[in-house]
């Protein structure tokens, strides 16, 4: 169902001006974060999709979705701009979780680091590798992140917003909730609402 509506959504937004097009993409891909149900979302603005990377750089200082959602560029090259869209309170809470931070220390993070320092360090790591610990930043279950990092050949139970190795039932429930939030964005825009009205 989501796939069919997604095609219709893209037919509608391709007629938007640059800013509304960019905002529509953000509202869709980061819907769970903007709604306060996910610590952060990762969006890759690419030149192949209406040159979104250039549009992002043109309007990024203007973009605002709500008072607790922020944007952080993790990587930028000639073709792509990788941006973390994050709920500040939820991300800080995730990073202050004792078990999460113990895991992150394996990659060089320090328990004394602030949220901003953790983001800076994550960006530094992204310049050279795909920093798989980003799963903690994205709010994925720690046990799934650990298995993904430490046992990359392990067989997973399901793939959705992340690879699920452990609690499939709980994960599917989360996936359904996230999909429902994204579907709401699609439906409202298809029905004629401006992305500026979705905040």
Foldseek 3Di string as FASTA:
>chain_A
DLVVLVVLLVVLLVPPPLVLSLLLVCCQQFLCFLVPNWFKGKDKQFCVPVYRVVSCVVCVVPDDRDDQWDKDWLDDDPTITIIIIGRNVSLQVLCQPPVLVVVCVVVPDDNPDGPVRVSVVSSVVVVPDNPLSCCSSGVHPPVQSCCCVVPVPDDFDDAAVHGHRPPPVVVVVSRVVSSVSSVVSSVVVSVPDGSVVVD
